[in-house]
């Protein structure tokens, strides 16, 4: 009898301990609606419309960049459709990590989560460098002081909670979108298709032509820069635990933001190069501003307006990706993959350490001033995670066809397979463009993997949303067999 009592006491103690553990790690539920999720998806990416994409013109010419953009847009659209389905199956803050863990187990979940973390933790550092350059141009003040100010100010807002942060993100993103619309309207009357093809042809390149001045290989080399048009839109499901009616709002947020971004990407690619000339923009640090100066002359109000509001676009992406990395770290830490203290939440239900500590690391990375290098490292993490997430979708579709799916992706496995193949190609494209950067990112990834193998796999936490979901599905499968 005493043995029974001791067992019951131990079970009650474990339950109390688990309840207390997760009580200290709660996000603010119902704080985000579908419109804010669309704003979040656009905010993640919108800085790529203002700078970075144009370097693809130097790699592949306008034709190479155009083909790369179409291919990458198809990859992201297919991926967003598949992720919309998975996010309604498993609406947790882990996003892609949760999908991979449910499909393949703890190791796959960790590999996916840390690949996403590399993307989201490094990208703000790169954007901080670009913000510093814009501020230097506009106000004569840049460098480390601007980087520090960005991190302190925007981390402070995120510590106030998700609802407040995402509302501010939405407003900033709307301002940046207005600047893009002004640019599109200003360029449209001056479009000339001949300007798209004015990059000199490299005679010895295989397949070289006016459309593909650097040949067929230029298409592949342009892929990482085409990704800048869409990088991080897949982060919308990270808001799942704070979303209103996630089964409806998450698909709307993912697909809605992706469609908006695709329209902006193609309009800017056509009209920027078509009005100012592809050769003019291929190495520009501020392609939209330089395009306006070519067409309308120096010191026009249009160029000044887009230059100033371009800063808002960079801020929107910087601000929103802080949200993304904090939620990814929160989920990984809550599950025991990363130090558990990183998932503690404050009185506003914001994961304060998951916001602050990566911010400190990001600030230190930004001091390198190597924005382009940091972005390419972020692309490495992104493409690795895309491959793993699409593999997870296919596995879940085959192994667990009866799982509740409030939203179903058109095309199902075919759609996910298209995204999978294109993501694998994009991963290799990053290596082709700059092997040194690729290996640097791979080294960071290897350190994460060693941490799991040597330590965190022995300290995983029971009862996380991902694990509970897997246990329920396993129990249901046993009952059906």
Protein backbone atom coordinates (compact mmCIF):
# COMPACT_ATOMS: atom_id res chain seq x y z
CA UNK A 1 0.00 0.00 0.00
CA UNK A 2 2.83 2.36 0.86
CA UNK A 3 4.39 1.66 -2.57
CA UNK A 4 1.16 2.67 -4.31
CA UNK A 5 1.01 5.90 -2.32
CA UNK A 6 4.59 6.76 -3.21
CA UNK A 7 3.93 6.19 -6.90
CA UNK A 8 0.80 8.38 -6.80
CA UNK A 9 2.74 11.09 -4.96
CA UNK A 10 5.50 10.96 -7.58
CA UNK A 11 3.02 11.25 -10.46
CA UNK A 12 1.28 14.20 -8.79
CA UNK A 13 4.66 15.84 -8.18
CA UNK A 14 5.69 15.40 -11.84
CA UNK A 15 2.36 16.81 -13.00
CA UNK A 16 2.71 19.84 -10.71
CA UNK A 17 6.29 20.35 -11.88
CA UNK A 18 5.26 20.15 -15.55
CA UNK A 19 2.33 22.52 -14.99
CA UNK A 20 4.57 25.06 -13.30
CA UNK A 21 7.22 24.70 -16.03
CA UNK A 22 4.80 25.50 -18.86
CA UNK A 23 3.02 28.20 -16.82
CA UNK A 24 6.26 30.17 -16.91
CA UNK A 25 6.43 29.74 -20.67
CA UNK A 26 3.12 31.01 -22.00
CA UNK A 27 2.64 33.31 -24.95
CA UNK A 28 -0.31 35.71 -25.25
CA UNK A 29 -3.03 33.75 -27.04
CA UNK A 30 -5.43 35.44 -29.45
CA UNK A 31 -3.28 38.57 -29.83
CA UNK A 32 -2.88 38.38 -33.63
CA UNK A 33 -5.51 38.28 -36.38
CA UNK A 34 -5.11 37.26 -40.02
CA UNK A 35 -4.56 40.84 -41.24
CA UNK A 36 -1.66 41.31 -38.84
CA UNK A 37 -0.27 37.96 -40.00
CA UNK A 38 -0.29 39.16 -43.61
CA UNK A 39 1.47 42.31 -42.43
CA UNK A 40 3.99 40.17 -40.55
CA UNK A 41 4.71 38.03 -43.63
CA UNK A 42 5.26 41.10 -45.81
CA UNK A 43 7.32 42.81 -43.09
CA UNK A 44 9.72 39.87 -42.86
CA UNK A 45 10.62 40.35 -46.51
CA UNK A 46 9.97 43.91 -47.65
CA UNK A 47 13.55 45.12 -47.12
CA UNK A 48 14.55 42.82 -49.99
CA UNK A 49 12.50 44.99 -52.37
CA UNK A 50 14.58 48.04 -51.48
CA UNK A 51 18.06 46.52 -51.71
CA UNK A 52 19.87 43.28 -52.44
CA UNK A 53 17.84 41.78 -55.26
CA UNK A 54 19.63 43.86 -57.87
CA UNK A 55 22.95 42.07 -57.30
CA UNK A 56 21.31 39.18 -59.14
CA UNK A 57 21.47 41.34 -62.28
CA UNK A 58 25.26 41.30 -62.01
CA UNK A 59 25.24 37.51 -61.58
CA UNK A 60 22.83 36.54 -64.34
CA UNK A 61 21.75 39.60 -66.28
CA UNK A 62 18.09 40.62 -66.36
CA UNK A 63 17.01 37.40 -68.06
CA UNK A 64 18.86 35.23 -65.57
CA UNK A 65 17.42 37.17 -62.64
CA UNK A 66 13.92 37.04 -64.14
CA UNK A 67 14.02 33.26 -64.59
CA UNK A 68 15.52 32.82 -61.11
CA UNK A 69 12.78 35.01 -59.60
CA UNK A 70 10.01 33.02 -61.30
CA UNK A 71 11.52 29.72 -60.13
CA UNK A 72 12.03 30.99 -56.58
CA UNK A 73 8.49 32.45 -56.48
CA UNK A 74 7.09 29.04 -57.48
CA UNK A 75 9.19 27.41 -54.75
CA UNK A 76 7.92 29.80 -52.09
CA UNK A 77 4.30 29.61 -53.22
CA UNK A 78 4.34 25.80 -53.16
CA UNK A 79 6.08 25.85 -49.80
CA UNK A 80 3.60 28.34 -48.31
CA UNK A 81 0.68 26.19 -49.46
CA UNK A 82 2.21 23.10 -47.82
CA UNK A 83 3.11 25.02 -44.66
CA UNK A 84 -0.41 26.41 -44.45
CA UNK A 85 -1.70 22.86 -44.22
CA UNK A 86 0.88 21.83 -41.62
CA UNK A 87 0.34 24.97 -39.53
CA UNK A 88 -3.35 24.13 -39.14
CA UNK A 89 -2.44 20.55 -38.18
CA UNK A 90 0.05 21.69 -35.55
CA UNK A 91 -0.45 25.34 -34.54
CA UNK A 92 2.51 25.83 -32.19
CA UNK A 93 5.23 28.48 -31.89
CA UNK A 94 7.80 26.04 -33.26
CA UNK A 95 6.66 26.39 -36.86
CA UNK A 96 8.84 24.29 -39.16
CA UNK A 97 10.63 22.71 -36.21
CA UNK A 98 7.33 21.34 -34.93
CA UNK A 99 6.42 19.87 -38.31
CA UNK A 100 9.76 18.07 -38.70
CA UNK A 101 9.72 16.77 -35.12
CA UNK A 102 6.23 15.35 -35.53
CA UNK A 103 7.20 13.71 -38.82
CA UNK A 104 10.67 12.36 -38.07
CA UNK A 105 11.39 12.76 -34.35
CA UNK A 106 13.58 14.95 -32.11
CA UNK A 107 16.75 15.04 -34.24
CA UNK A 108 14.94 16.15 -37.40
CA UNK A 109 13.05 18.75 -35.39
CA UNK A 110 16.29 20.12 -34.02
CA UNK A 111 17.99 20.17 -37.44
CA UNK A 112 15.08 22.12 -38.89
CA UNK A 113 14.74 24.49 -35.96
CA UNK A 114 18.42 25.40 -35.85
CA UNK A 115 18.55 25.92 -39.63
CA UNK A 116 15.65 28.37 -39.26
CA UNK A 117 17.42 29.96 -36.31
CA UNK A 118 20.58 30.56 -38.37
CA UNK A 119 18.42 32.34 -40.95
CA UNK A 120 16.52 34.51 -38.47
CA UNK A 121 19.33 35.27 -36.04
CA UNK A 122 21.80 36.41 -38.73
CA UNK A 123 19.41 38.31 -41.02
CA UNK A 124 18.72 41.18 -38.54
CA UNK A 125 22.47 41.76 -38.20
CA UNK A 126 22.73 42.18 -41.97
CA UNK A 127 19.70 44.46 -42.07
CA UNK A 128 21.18 46.56 -39.25
CA UNK A 129 24.22 47.15 -41.47
CA UNK A 130 21.94 48.32 -44.30
CA UNK A 131 19.97 50.56 -41.91
CA UNK A 132 23.26 52.11 -40.82
CA UNK A 133 24.18 52.80 -44.45
CA UNK A 134 20.79 54.43 -45.14
CA UNK A 135 21.09 56.58 -42.00
CA UNK A 136 24.61 57.60 -43.01
CA UNK A 137 23.27 58.68 -46.40
CA UNK A 138 20.23 60.52 -45.02
CA UNK A 139 21.44 61.97 -41.72
CA UNK A 140 25.22 61.63 -41.75
CA UNK A 141 25.14 59.23 -38.77
CA UNK A 142 25.74 55.48 -39.16
CA UNK A 143 27.90 52.65 -37.92
CA UNK A 144 27.80 50.90 -34.54
CA UNK A 145 25.73 53.61 -32.83
CA UNK A 146 22.83 53.11 -35.25
CA UNK A 147 23.10 49.31 -34.98
CA UNK A 148 22.95 49.52 -31.19
CA UNK A 149 20.04 51.96 -31.24
CA UNK A 150 18.07 49.65 -33.55
CA UNK A 151 18.55 46.62 -31.34
CA UNK A 152 17.79 48.44 -28.08
CA UNK A 153 14.71 50.26 -29.33
CA UNK A 154 13.05 47.43 -31.21
CA UNK A 155 13.86 44.73 -28.68
CA UNK A 156 12.27 47.02 -26.09
CA UNK A 157 9.03 47.15 -28.07
CA UNK A 158 8.97 43.36 -28.46
CA UNK A 159 9.32 42.99 -24.70
CA UNK A 160 5.94 44.75 -24.42
CA UNK A 161 4.23 41.76 -26.05
CA UNK A 162 3.20 40.35 -29.43
CA UNK A 163 0.02 42.34 -30.04
CA UNK A 164 1.70 45.70 -29.52
CA UNK A 165 4.79 44.74 -31.53
CA UNK A 166 2.89 43.38 -34.52
CA UNK A 167 0.60 46.41 -34.70
CA UNK A 168 3.66 48.67 -34.94
CA UNK A 169 5.19 46.33 -37.53
CA UNK A 170 1.97 46.53 -39.56
CA UNK A 171 2.06 50.35 -39.64
CA UNK A 172 5.74 50.51 -40.62
CA UNK A 173 5.19 47.89 -43.33
CA UNK A 174 2.22 49.82 -44.72
CA UNK A 175 4.39 52.94 -45.01
CA UNK A 176 7.10 50.97 -46.83
CA UNK A 177 4.49 49.45 -49.18
CA UNK A 178 3.30 52.96 -50.08
CA UNK A 179 6.86 53.84 -51.11
CA UNK A 180 6.97 50.78 -53.38
CA UNK A 181 3.66 51.76 -54.96
CA UNK A 182 4.95 55.31 -55.56
CA UNK A 183 8.09 53.87 -57.18
CA UNK A 184 6.04 51.55 -59.44
CA UNK A 185 3.75 54.41 -60.52
CA UNK A 186 6.73 56.69 -61.22
CA UNK A 187 8.59 54.10 -63.31
CA UNK A 188 5.67 52.82 -65.37
CA UNK A 189 5.55 55.69 -67.92
CA UNK A 190 9.29 55.35 -68.58
CA UNK A 191 9.45 51.59 -69.13
CA UNK A 192 11.47 50.52 -72.19
CA UNK A 193 12.08 46.82 -72.77
CA UNK A 194 15.47 47.58 -74.35
CA UNK A 195 16.73 48.77 -70.97
CA UNK A 196 16.27 45.27 -69.58
CA UNK A 197 18.90 43.88 -71.93
CA UNK A 198 21.69 46.47 -71.79
CA UNK A 199 24.18 44.42 -69.75
CA UNK A 200 27.18 43.48 -71.97
CA UNK A 201 27.18 39.86 -73.18
CA UNK A 202 29.97 37.63 -71.91
CA UNK A 203 31.00 35.97 -75.15
CA UNK A 204 32.63 32.87 -73.66
CA UNK A 205 29.69 31.98 -71.37
CA UNK A 206 27.67 28.92 -72.43
CA UNK A 207 24.27 30.04 -73.73
CA UNK A 208 25.17 33.73 -73.60
CA UNK A 209 22.76 36.14 -75.30
CA UNK A 210 21.29 39.59 -74.76
CA UNK A 211 18.63 37.95 -72.55
CA UNK A 212 21.20 35.83 -70.68
CA UNK A 213 24.41 37.91 -70.90
CA UNK A 214 26.25 35.58 -68.50
CA UNK A 215 24.87 32.39 -69.96
CA UNK A 216 22.89 29.55 -68.40
CA UNK A 217 25.04 29.45 -65.26
CA UNK A 218 23.95 33.03 -64.56
CA UNK A 219 20.43 31.79 -63.81
CA UNK A 220 21.77 29.56 -61.05
CA UNK A 221 24.05 32.30 -59.68
CA UNK A 222 21.09 34.70 -59.49
CA UNK A 223 18.97 32.34 -57.35
CA UNK A 224 20.26 33.47 -53.90
CA UNK A 225 19.47 37.08 -54.81
CA UNK A 226 16.01 36.15 -56.08
CA UNK A 227 15.46 34.52 -52.68
CA UNK A 228 15.95 37.98 -51.11
CA UNK A 229 12.60 38.93 -52.63
CA UNK A 230 10.89 36.32 -50.39
CA UNK A 231 13.32 35.32 -47.62
CA UNK A 232 11.58 34.67 -44.24
CA UNK A 233 7.93 34.77 -45.37
CA UNK A 234 7.73 31.18 -44.12
CA UNK A 235 8.02 32.57 -40.58
CA UNK A 236 4.30 33.38 -40.32
CA UNK A 237 3.47 30.06 -38.52
CA UNK A 238 5.79 31.09 -35.68
CA UNK A 239 2.87 33.26 -34.51
CA UNK A 240 0.56 30.24 -34.25
CA UNK A 241 0.20 30.23 -30.45
CA UNK A 242 -0.64 33.94 -30.47
CA UNK A 243 -3.01 33.85 -33.46
CA UNK A 244 -6.79 34.19 -33.39
CA UNK A 245 -8.44 31.12 -34.97
CA UNK A 246 -5.10 29.74 -36.24
CA UNK A 247 -6.84 27.20 -38.49
CA UNK A 248 -8.14 30.14 -40.54
CA UNK A 249 -5.71 32.98 -39.92
CA UNK A 250 -2.43 31.12 -40.59
CA UNK A 251 -3.24 30.04 -44.18
CA UNK A 252 -4.60 33.52 -44.92
CA UNK A 253 -1.46 35.12 -43.50
CA UNK A 254 0.97 32.86 -45.38
CA UNK A 255 -0.73 32.82 -48.77
CA UNK A 256 -1.86 36.46 -48.64
CA UNK A 257 1.60 37.80 -47.85
CA UNK A 258 3.22 35.56 -50.46
CA UNK A 259 0.94 36.84 -53.23
CA UNK A 260 1.59 40.48 -52.29
CA UNK A 261 5.34 39.88 -52.26
CA UNK A 262 5.27 38.15 -55.65
CA UNK A 263 3.48 41.13 -57.23
CA UNK A 264 5.98 43.60 -55.72
CA UNK A 265 8.97 41.48 -56.79
CA UNK A 266 7.94 41.23 -60.45
CA UNK A 267 6.84 44.86 -60.67
CA UNK A 268 10.15 46.13 -59.26
CA UNK A 269 12.24 43.76 -61.37
CA UNK A 270 10.49 44.84 -64.58
CA UNK A 271 10.02 48.55 -63.92
CA UNK A 272 13.25 49.33 -62.07
CA UNK A 273 15.49 47.80 -64.73
CA UNK A 274 13.09 48.67 -67.55
CA UNK A 275 13.13 52.38 -66.78
CA UNK A 276 16.68 52.96 -65.52
CA UNK A 277 18.55 50.09 -67.21
CA UNK A 278 19.70 46.77 -65.78
CA UNK A 279 23.36 47.70 -66.16
CA UNK A 280 22.84 50.85 -64.08
CA UNK A 281 21.29 48.99 -61.14
CA UNK A 282 23.35 45.79 -61.03
CA UNK A 283 25.78 47.07 -58.36
CA UNK A 284 23.69 49.77 -56.69
CA UNK A 285 23.39 49.93 -52.90
CA UNK A 286 20.00 51.65 -53.24
CA UNK A 287 18.58 50.50 -56.58
CA UNK A 288 15.15 52.12 -56.27
CA UNK A 289 16.61 55.51 -55.41
CA UNK A 290 19.23 55.29 -58.16
CA UNK A 291 16.57 54.29 -60.69
CA UNK A 292 14.52 57.38 -59.82
CA UNK A 293 17.60 59.60 -60.12
CA UNK A 294 18.36 58.22 -63.59
CA UNK A 295 14.81 58.85 -64.78
CA UNK A 296 13.93 62.09 -62.96
CA UNK A 297 17.33 63.59 -62.16
CA UNK A 298 19.21 64.27 -58.93
CA UNK A 299 17.59 65.83 -55.86
CA UNK A 300 13.99 65.16 -56.83
CA UNK A 301 11.30 64.77 -54.17
CA UNK A 302 10.53 61.29 -55.51
CA UNK A 303 14.05 60.02 -54.92
CA UNK A 304 14.15 61.67 -51.50
CA UNK A 305 10.78 60.17 -50.53
CA UNK A 306 11.68 56.62 -51.58
CA UNK A 307 15.12 56.96 -49.98
CA UNK A 308 13.59 58.01 -46.64
CA UNK A 309 10.78 55.47 -46.67
CA UNK A 310 13.19 52.77 -47.85
CA UNK A 311 14.58 53.08 -44.34
CA UNK A 312 11.10 52.16 -43.07
CA UNK A 313 11.18 49.02 -45.21
CA UNK A 314 14.49 47.96 -43.69
CA UNK A 315 13.19 48.73 -40.20
CA UNK A 316 10.05 46.65 -40.84
CA UNK A 317 12.09 43.58 -41.72
CA UNK A 318 14.53 44.12 -38.86
CA UNK A 319 11.70 44.57 -36.39
CA UNK A 320 9.69 41.57 -37.55
CA UNK A 321 12.59 39.12 -37.75
CA UNK A 322 13.37 39.84 -34.09
CA UNK A 323 9.88 38.47 -33.46
CA UNK A 324 10.66 35.41 -35.60
CA UNK A 325 13.94 34.47 -33.96
CA UNK A 326 12.52 34.95 -30.47
CA UNK A 327 9.62 32.56 -31.16
CA UNK A 328 11.89 29.95 -32.73
CA UNK A 329 14.25 30.08 -29.76
CA UNK A 330 11.27 30.01 -27.39
CA UNK A 331 9.98 26.76 -28.92
CA UNK A 332 13.40 25.07 -29.05
CA UNK A 333 14.21 26.12 -25.49
CA UNK A 334 10.81 25.07 -24.11
CA UNK A 335 11.43 21.61 -25.55
CA UNK A 336 14.91 21.42 -24.01
CA UNK A 337 16.88 21.65 -27.26
CA UNK A 338 18.41 24.95 -26.12
CA UNK A 339 18.98 26.16 -22.52
CA UNK A 340 15.57 26.16 -20.82
CA UNK A 341 15.86 29.67 -19.39
CA UNK A 342 15.60 31.07 -22.91
CA UNK A 343 11.88 30.17 -22.99
CA UNK A 344 10.87 32.03 -19.81
CA UNK A 345 8.26 34.72 -20.49
CA UNK A 346 7.74 38.05 -18.72
CA UNK A 347 4.52 39.58 -17.39
CA UNK A 348 3.55 40.54 -20.95
CA UNK A 349 3.98 36.89 -22.04
CA UNK A 350 7.00 37.84 -24.17
CA UNK A 351 10.03 35.48 -24.14
CA UNK A 352 12.41 38.15 -22.86
CA UNK A 353 15.67 36.20 -22.85
CA UNK A 354 14.91 34.80 -26.32
CA UNK A 355 14.61 38.39 -27.49
CA UNK A 356 17.60 39.89 -25.67
CA UNK A 357 20.41 37.31 -25.91
CA UNK A 358 20.25 36.75 -29.71
CA UNK A 359 19.98 40.53 -30.04
CA UNK A 360 23.31 40.96 -28.25
CA UNK A 361 24.89 38.33 -30.53
CA UNK A 362 23.33 39.96 -33.60
CA UNK A 363 24.68 43.37 -32.61
CA UNK A 364 28.17 41.90 -32.32
CA UNK A 365 27.81 40.32 -35.78
CA UNK A 366 26.61 43.62 -37.25
CA UNK A 367 29.89 45.24 -36.17
CA UNK A 368 31.56 43.30 -38.99
CA UNK A 369 29.79 45.59 -41.45
CA UNK A 370 29.55 42.69 -43.92
CA UNK A 371 25.86 42.89 -44.79
CA UNK A 372 26.08 40.85 -48.00
CA UNK A 373 28.06 38.08 -46.32
CA UNK A 374 25.58 37.86 -43.44
CA UNK A 375 22.62 37.66 -45.81
CA UNK A 376 24.18 34.80 -47.77
CA UNK A 377 24.72 32.94 -44.49
CA UNK A 378 21.05 33.48 -43.67
CA UNK A 379 20.09 32.06 -47.08
CA UNK A 380 22.06 28.89 -46.25
CA UNK A 381 19.97 28.29 -43.12
CA UNK A 382 16.76 29.10 -44.95
CA UNK A 383 17.23 26.67 -47.83
CA UNK A 384 18.29 23.81 -45.53
CA UNK A 385 15.13 24.33 -43.47
CA UNK A 386 12.95 24.40 -46.61
CA UNK A 387 14.24 20.99 -47.68
CA UNK A 388 13.53 19.51 -44.24
CA UNK A 389 10.08 21.07 -43.91
CA UNK A 390 8.92 19.79 -47.28
CA UNK A 391 10.23 16.32 -46.44
CA UNK A 392 8.19 16.53 -43.23
CA UNK A 393 5.05 17.44 -45.16
CA UNK A 394 5.44 14.46 -47.50
CA UNK A 395 6.09 12.10 -44.58
CA UNK A 396 3.05 13.31 -42.63
CA UNK A 397 0.86 13.10 -45.72
CA UNK A 398 1.87 9.47 -46.32
CA UNK A 399 2.26 8.18 -42.77
CA UNK A 400 -0.63 10.04 -41.12
CA UNK A 401 -3.26 10.70 -43.78
CA UNK A 402 -6.09 10.84 -41.20
CA UNK A 403 -4.64 13.73 -39.18
CA UNK A 404 -7.10 16.65 -38.94
CA UNK A 405 -6.29 19.18 -41.64
CA UNK A 406 -8.57 22.26 -41.50
CA UNK A 407 -6.75 23.51 -44.60
CA UNK A 408 -5.48 21.25 -47.38
CA UNK A 409 -2.84 22.41 -49.85
CA UNK A 410 -3.85 22.14 -53.52
CA UNK A 411 -1.77 19.43 -55.14
CA UNK A 412 -0.69 17.95 -51.83
CA UNK A 413 2.47 15.87 -52.19
CA UNK A 414 3.11 17.11 -55.74
CA UNK A 415 3.10 20.72 -54.53
CA UNK A 416 5.48 19.94 -51.65
CA UNK A 417 7.74 17.90 -53.95
CA UNK A 418 8.14 20.85 -56.31
CA UNK A 419 9.17 23.05 -53.39
CA UNK A 420 11.53 20.33 -52.11
CA UNK A 421 13.40 19.94 -55.41
CA UNK A 422 13.70 23.70 -55.95
CA UNK A 423 14.90 24.24 -52.37
CA UNK A 424 17.63 21.61 -52.86
CA UNK A 425 18.75 23.40 -56.02
CA UNK A 426 18.76 26.74 -54.17
CA UNK A 427 20.98 25.26 -51.43
CA UNK A 428 23.56 24.22 -54.01
CA UNK A 429 23.27 27.61 -55.74
CA UNK A 430 24.49 29.30 -52.56
CA UNK A 431 27.62 27.15 -52.65
CA UNK A 432 28.22 28.04 -56.31
CA UNK A 433 28.01 31.78 -55.61
CA UNK A 434 30.36 31.86 -52.59
CA UNK A 435 31.78 28.59 -51.20
CA UNK A 436 33.55 30.42 -48.34
CA UNK A 437 30.32 31.85 -46.96
CA UNK A 438 28.56 28.51 -47.44
CA UNK A 439 31.20 26.71 -45.38
CA UNK A 440 31.10 29.38 -42.66
CA UNK A 441 27.36 28.89 -42.27
CA UNK A 442 27.82 25.11 -42.37
CA UNK A 443 30.36 25.38 -39.53
CA UNK A 444 27.83 27.24 -37.35
CA UNK A 445 25.26 24.55 -38.15
CA UNK A 446 27.76 21.83 -37.19
CA UNK A 447 28.29 23.45 -33.78
CA UNK A 448 24.54 23.35 -33.16
CA UNK A 449 24.43 19.68 -34.16
CA UNK A 450 27.28 18.81 -31.80
CA UNK A 451 25.48 20.56 -28.94
CA UNK A 452 22.46 18.32 -29.53
CA UNK A 453 24.45 15.11 -29.84
CA UNK A 454 26.60 15.77 -26.79
CA UNK A 455 24.14 17.46 -24.44
CA UNK A 456 20.59 18.54 -25.25
CA UNK A 457 19.26 15.20 -26.54
CA UNK A 458 19.71 13.94 -22.97
CA UNK A 459 17.73 16.86 -21.51
CA UNK A 460 14.59 17.10 -23.66
CA UNK A 461 11.40 18.16 -21.88
CA UNK A 462 8.31 15.94 -21.76
CA UNK A 463 4.88 17.42 -22.37
CA UNK A 464 5.68 20.07 -24.99
CA UNK A 465 2.89 20.81 -27.49
CA UNK A 466 4.84 18.99 -30.21
CA UNK A 467 5.37 15.88 -28.08
CA UNK A 468 1.79 15.83 -26.79
CA UNK A 469 0.56 16.03 -30.36
CA UNK A 470 2.79 13.13 -31.41
CA UNK A 471 1.61 11.04 -28.44
CA UNK A 472 -2.05 11.65 -29.28
CA UNK A 473 -1.49 10.70 -32.90
CA UNK A 474 0.41 7.54 -31.91
CA UNK A 475 -2.40 6.52 -29.52
CA UNK A 476 -5.02 7.08 -32.21
CA UNK A 477 -3.01 5.03 -34.68
CA UNK A 478 -2.79 2.12 -32.20
CA UNK A 479 -6.57 2.21 -31.70
CA UNK A 480 -7.15 2.09 -35.46
CA UNK A 481 -4.89 -0.93 -36.01
